[in-house]
Amino acid sequence: MKTFAKPFLFVVIISVFVLSCRRDRKEQLGNTITIDNSTAENLFSDLFKVADNVSSTESGIRDNEIGCIDTIIVDTTSVPRTVLIDFGNDDCVASDGRMRKGQIKLSYTGRYRDEGTVITITPQNYTVNGYQLNGTKVITNNGLNGNGDPSFTIVVDGSITAPGNAWTAEWNSNRLRTWIEGSNTLTIWDDVYEITGSGSGVNRNGVLYNILITSPLRAEIGCRWLVSGTMTLTPDDYDARVIDFGGGECNNGFSVTVNGETTQYGSAD
């Protein structure tokens, strides 16, 4: 018995160590699903904010409040009409603290506020803080809902590539965005949207996951991040995770709950 006790104990220790490493590895891979989704969510939301910042109004193009835009070219003869927002070829830190370069192309069939208008946003060699965006974001004006608020269907078919081409993640969504505050004022900074819907993605490791918004997300034009709401990510071969964007504060913090265990990410900085 004594002869086999130590080898047996050694095998047990090694087995426990290997299983622990596998769990840690799987947890790390699972975390990248949350991080990649959150990054894509934020960057494609920012794409809309930039487009809205310079969108046509009755008096024409809005002032370049965001900064760093070299030129804005409006083509009113093409069908559909187009706007090209050019940040130039060099990184520039805008008024919102984000570093941008490249171009964003908008095509639109009518005014943003007109029912039935379809706006397509296409990034072209466009990066934010080193992340490159690819794909399209299509916005369709559905008119006023039962509460008298403008609502829009938002469809994204895109991807993000990390700085230095470190990795690429796919991101798709089909959502309803309701303009719940600020639709009756000229400034964009009091605009608030409520977002519902679903989507899917493939993270940097090739893991497919589905997205369902379980409590409406709140997006404020004056804030770089979502300020409240919850969604559930359900990845293939991983446990579902609930992401909570907080109680209304403007910060980059959010929590992730997996199997009853909650982890906080980001901060109010």
Protein backbone atom coordinates (compact mmCIF):
# COMPACT_ATOMS: atom_id res chain seq x y z
CA MET A 1 0.00 0.00 0.00
CA LYS A 2 2.76 2.36 0.88
CA THR A 3 4.47 1.65 -2.41
CA PHE A 4 1.54 3.00 -4.44
CA ALA A 5 0.36 5.81 -2.16
CA LYS A 6 2.71 8.51 -3.39
CA PRO A 7 2.40 7.78 -7.13
CA PHE A 8 -1.39 7.62 -6.77
CA LEU A 9 -1.42 10.95 -4.88
CA PHE A 10 0.82 12.47 -7.55
CA VAL A 11 -1.57 11.35 -10.29
CA VAL A 12 -4.53 12.82 -8.38
CA ILE A 13 -2.73 16.17 -7.94
CA ILE A 14 -1.77 16.28 -11.63
CA SER A 15 -5.36 15.41 -12.66
CA VAL A 16 -6.80 18.16 -10.46
CA PHE A 17 -4.24 20.63 -11.82
CA VAL A 18 -5.06 19.74 -15.45
CA LEU A 19 -8.81 20.00 -14.87
CA SER A 20 -8.32 23.35 -13.11
CA CYS A 21 -6.24 24.63 -16.02
CA ARG A 22 -8.90 23.48 -18.47
CA ARG A 23 -11.61 25.27 -16.49
CA ASP A 24 -9.49 28.44 -16.32
CA ARG A 25 -8.80 28.21 -20.05
CA LYS A 26 -12.48 27.74 -20.85
CA GLU A 27 -13.38 30.66 -18.58
CA GLN A 28 -10.85 32.88 -20.34
CA LEU A 29 -12.23 31.88 -23.74
CA GLY A 30 -15.73 32.54 -22.44
CA ASN A 31 -14.69 36.01 -21.29
CA THR A 32 -13.53 36.90 -24.80
CA ILE A 33 -17.09 36.29 -26.03
CA THR A 34 -18.35 38.99 -23.67
CA ILE A 35 -15.48 41.38 -24.42
CA ASP A 36 -15.70 41.00 -28.22
CA ASN A 37 -19.47 41.48 -28.19
CA SER A 38 -19.23 44.54 -25.94
CA THR A 39 -16.53 46.07 -28.15
CA ALA A 40 -18.53 45.51 -31.34
CA GLU A 41 -21.71 46.79 -29.67
CA ASN A 42 -19.97 49.97 -28.62
CA LEU A 43 -18.17 50.65 -31.90
CA PHE A 44 -21.22 50.14 -34.14
CA SER A 45 -23.25 52.32 -31.78
CA ASP A 46 -20.54 54.97 -32.14
CA LEU A 47 -20.81 54.67 -35.93
CA PHE A 48 -24.43 55.80 -35.70
CA LYS A 49 -23.51 58.66 -33.36
CA VAL A 50 -20.97 60.01 -35.84
CA ALA A 51 -23.47 59.75 -38.69
CA ASP A 52 -26.16 61.45 -36.62
CA ASN A 53 -23.71 64.18 -35.63
CA VAL A 54 -23.45 65.41 -39.21
CA SER A 55 -26.80 64.22 -40.59
CA SER A 56 -28.86 66.49 -42.81
CA THR A 57 -31.41 68.76 -41.20
CA GLU A 58 -33.67 71.35 -42.75
CA SER A 59 -30.75 73.80 -42.63
CA GLY A 60 -28.27 71.31 -44.13
CA ILE A 61 -25.31 69.55 -42.49
CA ARG A 62 -24.89 70.08 -38.76
CA ASP A 63 -21.77 71.71 -37.37
CA ASN A 64 -18.77 69.43 -36.91
CA GLU A 65 -19.26 69.18 -33.15
CA ILE A 66 -17.38 65.90 -32.88
CA GLY A 67 -14.21 67.33 -34.41
CA CYS A 68 -11.40 65.76 -36.48
CA ILE A 69 -13.47 65.61 -39.67
CA ASP A 70 -11.39 66.85 -42.63
CA THR A 71 -14.21 67.08 -45.16
CA ILE A 72 -17.91 66.32 -45.57
CA ILE A 73 -18.96 65.76 -49.19
CA VAL A 74 -22.69 65.80 -49.96
CA ASP A 75 -23.99 64.44 -53.27
CA THR A 76 -27.61 65.46 -53.76
CA THR A 77 -27.80 64.33 -57.39
CA SER A 78 -27.16 60.62 -56.87
CA VAL A 79 -29.98 58.18 -56.14
CA PRO A 80 -29.95 57.41 -53.30
CA ARG A 81 -28.17 60.56 -52.10
CA THR A 82 -24.84 60.19 -50.34
CA VAL A 83 -22.67 61.86 -47.72
CA LEU A 84 -18.96 61.07 -47.31
CA ILE A 85 -17.48 61.86 -43.90
CA ASP A 86 -13.68 61.93 -44.14
CA PHE A 87 -11.53 61.89 -40.99
CA GLY A 88 -8.33 61.77 -43.03
CA ASN A 89 -5.54 59.20 -43.06
CA ASP A 90 -3.98 60.09 -39.71
CA ASP A 91 -5.34 59.31 -36.25
CA CYS A 92 -7.02 62.27 -34.60
CA VAL A 93 -8.49 62.52 -31.09
CA ALA A 94 -12.00 63.97 -31.36
CA SER A 95 -13.93 66.02 -28.82
CA ASP A 96 -15.40 62.85 -27.32
CA GLY A 97 -11.92 61.46 -26.57
CA ARG A 98 -11.96 58.82 -29.28
CA MET A 99 -9.24 58.51 -31.92
CA ARG A 100 -10.53 58.15 -35.48
CA LYS A 101 -9.33 58.00 -39.07
CA GLY A 102 -10.75 56.88 -42.40
CA GLN A 103 -14.12 57.49 -43.98
CA ILE A 104 -17.80 56.82 -43.38
CA LYS A 105 -20.20 56.75 -46.31
CA LEU A 106 -23.91 57.42 -45.84
CA SER A 107 -26.55 56.76 -48.45
CA TYR A 108 -30.10 57.88 -47.78
CA THR A 109 -33.44 57.80 -49.57
CA GLY A 110 -34.92 60.72 -47.62
CA ARG A 111 -34.66 62.73 -44.43
CA TYR A 112 -33.81 60.89 -41.22
CA ARG A 113 -37.11 61.95 -39.61
CA ASP A 114 -39.30 60.96 -42.58
CA GLU A 115 -41.21 57.68 -42.35
CA GLY A 116 -39.89 55.12 -44.81
CA THR A 117 -36.41 56.65 -45.13
CA VAL A 118 -33.60 54.10 -45.41
CA ILE A 119 -30.08 55.11 -44.41
CA THR A 120 -27.09 52.84 -45.05
CA ILE A 121 -23.86 53.53 -43.16
CA THR A 122 -20.70 51.97 -44.57
CA PRO A 123 -17.25 52.42 -42.95
CA GLN A 124 -14.36 52.66 -45.42
CA ASN A 125 -10.86 51.99 -43.99
CA TYR A 126 -12.38 53.47 -40.84
CA THR A 127 -10.88 52.90 -37.39
CA VAL A 128 -11.76 53.96 -33.85
CA ASN A 129 -9.01 53.70 -31.25
CA GLY A 130 -7.22 51.35 -33.62
CA TYR A 131 -10.20 49.01 -34.18
CA GLN A 132 -11.26 48.74 -37.82
CA LEU A 133 -14.96 48.45 -38.65
CA ASN A 134 -16.26 46.63 -41.72
CA GLY A 135 -19.75 45.92 -43.03
CA THR A 136 -22.97 47.92 -43.09
CA LYS A 137 -25.49 49.41 -40.72
CA VAL A 138 -28.94 49.96 -42.24
CA ILE A 139 -31.48 52.23 -40.53
CA THR A 140 -35.14 52.25 -41.60
CA ASN A 141 -37.55 54.87 -40.24
CA ASN A 142 -40.76 53.13 -39.16
CA GLY A 143 -42.60 56.34 -38.31
CA LEU A 144 -44.19 57.10 -34.95
CA ASN A 145 -45.11 54.33 -32.53
CA GLY A 146 -48.20 54.23 -30.31
CA ASN A 147 -46.57 56.67 -27.85
CA GLY A 148 -45.78 59.18 -30.56
CA ASP A 149 -42.03 58.40 -30.50
CA PRO A 150 -40.07 57.87 -33.74
CA SER A 151 -38.85 54.28 -34.13
CA PHE A 152 -36.26 52.74 -36.40
CA THR A 153 -35.29 49.22 -37.44
CA ILE A 154 -31.50 48.82 -37.23
CA VAL A 155 -29.76 45.94 -39.04
CA VAL A 156 -25.99 45.46 -38.72
CA ASP A 157 -23.95 42.97 -40.72
CA GLY A 158 -20.37 43.67 -39.74
CA SER A 159 -17.08 42.80 -38.13
CA ILE A 160 -14.32 44.43 -36.10
CA THR A 161 -10.57 43.90 -36.36
CA ALA A 162 -8.36 44.62 -33.36
CA PRO A 163 -5.34 46.94 -33.58
CA GLY A 164 -2.42 45.38 -35.42
CA ASN A 165 -4.80 42.85 -37.05
CA ALA A 166 -4.52 40.86 -33.81
CA TRP A 167 -7.94 39.26 -34.30
CA THR A 168 -11.29 39.66 -36.04
CA ALA A 169 -14.79 39.13 -34.66
CA GLU A 170 -18.11 39.10 -36.53
CA TRP A 171 -21.19 40.90 -35.22
CA ASN A 172 -24.78 41.01 -36.50
CA SER A 173 -27.92 42.50 -35.04
CA ASN A 174 -31.57 43.16 -35.84
CA ARG A 175 -33.05 45.70 -33.46
CA LEU A 176 -35.75 48.25 -32.85
CA ARG A 177 -34.45 51.66 -31.77
CA THR A 178 -37.02 54.05 -30.30
CA TRP A 179 -36.22 57.76 -29.96
CA ILE A 180 -37.64 58.37 -26.48
CA GLU A 181 -36.05 61.75 -25.63
CA GLY A 182 -34.79 64.77 -27.57
CA SER A 183 -36.65 64.24 -30.84
CA ASN A 184 -38.27 67.68 -30.55
CA THR A 185 -35.06 69.69 -30.01
CA LEU A 186 -32.38 70.86 -32.46
CA THR A 187 -29.37 69.75 -30.40
CA ILE A 188 -28.28 66.11 -30.59
CA TRP A 189 -26.82 65.98 -27.09
CA ASP A 190 -30.17 65.36 -25.35
CA ASP A 191 -31.11 62.51 -27.70
CA VAL A 192 -31.87 59.22 -25.95
CA TYR A 193 -32.76 55.90 -27.61
CA GLU A 194 -34.26 52.70 -26.21
CA ILE A 195 -33.11 49.53 -27.97
CA THR A 196 -34.68 46.06 -28.13
CA GLY A 197 -34.07 43.03 -30.34
CA SER A 198 -31.60 40.25 -30.97
CA GLY A 199 -28.44 39.32 -32.86
CA SER A 200 -25.50 36.97 -33.15
CA GLY A 201 -21.74 36.96 -33.41
CA VAL A 202 -18.57 34.96 -33.83
CA ASN A 203 -15.82 35.90 -31.41
CA ARG A 204 -12.07 36.00 -32.01
CA ASN A 205 -11.78 32.28 -31.27
CA GLY A 206 -14.48 31.26 -33.75
CA VAL A 207 -17.17 30.67 -31.10
CA LEU A 208 -20.70 31.36 -32.36
CA TYR A 209 -23.13 33.02 -29.92
CA ASN A 210 -26.66 34.41 -29.97
CA ILE A 211 -27.79 37.70 -28.42
CA LEU A 212 -31.15 38.57 -26.86
CA ILE A 213 -31.91 41.92 -25.23
CA THR A 214 -33.88 41.04 -22.10
CA SER A 215 -34.31 44.57 -20.76
CA PRO A 216 -34.25 47.57 -23.14
CA LEU A 217 -30.81 49.12 -23.64
CA ARG A 218 -30.55 52.87 -23.11
CA ALA A 219 -28.22 54.77 -25.46
CA GLU A 220 -27.55 58.47 -24.86
CA ILE A 221 -25.87 60.45 -27.63
CA GLY A 222 -23.95 62.40 -24.98
CA CYS A 223 -22.37 59.21 -23.56
CA ARG A 224 -19.84 56.91 -25.24
CA TRP A 225 -21.31 53.78 -23.62
CA LEU A 226 -24.68 52.15 -23.05
CA VAL A 227 -25.94 53.38 -19.68
CA SER A 228 -28.48 50.69 -18.74
CA GLY A 229 -30.29 47.56 -19.87
CA THR A 230 -29.51 43.84 -19.97
CA MET A 231 -28.84 41.21 -22.61
CA THR A 232 -28.16 37.49 -22.60
CA LEU A 233 -25.37 35.92 -24.66
CA THR A 234 -25.76 32.21 -25.37
CA PRO A 235 -22.55 30.79 -26.89
CA ASP A 236 -22.13 27.34 -28.41
CA ASP A 237 -20.68 24.94 -25.79
CA TYR A 238 -20.53 27.62 -23.11
CA ASP A 239 -22.85 28.72 -20.33
CA ALA A 240 -25.23 31.59 -21.03
CA ARG A 241 -24.10 34.92 -19.61
CA VAL A 242 -26.23 37.94 -18.62
CA ILE A 243 -24.68 41.37 -19.27
CA ASP A 244 -25.98 44.27 -17.19
CA PHE A 245 -25.00 47.77 -18.36
CA GLY A 246 -25.87 49.48 -15.08
CA GLY A 247 -28.42 51.83 -13.64
CA GLY A 248 -28.03 54.90 -15.83
CA GLU A 249 -24.54 56.21 -15.07
CA CYS A 250 -22.34 57.26 -17.99
CA ASN A 251 -19.29 55.00 -17.61
CA ASN A 252 -17.67 51.99 -19.22
CA GLY A 253 -18.71 49.61 -16.47
CA PHE A 254 -20.87 46.52 -16.91
CA SER A 255 -21.36 43.25 -15.07
CA VAL A 256 -21.48 39.69 -16.36
CA THR A 257 -23.34 36.92 -14.55
CA VAL A 258 -22.62 33.26 -15.37
CA ASN A 259 -24.22 30.46 -13.30
CA GLY A 260 -25.08 32.91 -10.54
CA GLU A 261 -21.55 34.34 -10.28
CA THR A 262 -21.19 38.02 -11.17
CA THR A 263 -18.02 39.75 -12.37
CA GLN A 264 -17.67 43.51 -12.77
CA TYR A 265 -15.84 44.96 -15.78
CA GLY A 266 -14.71 48.51 -16.45
CA SER A 267 -15.11 51.45 -14.10
CA ALA A 268 -16.49 54.96 -13.85
CA ASP A 269 -13.16 56.39 -15.06
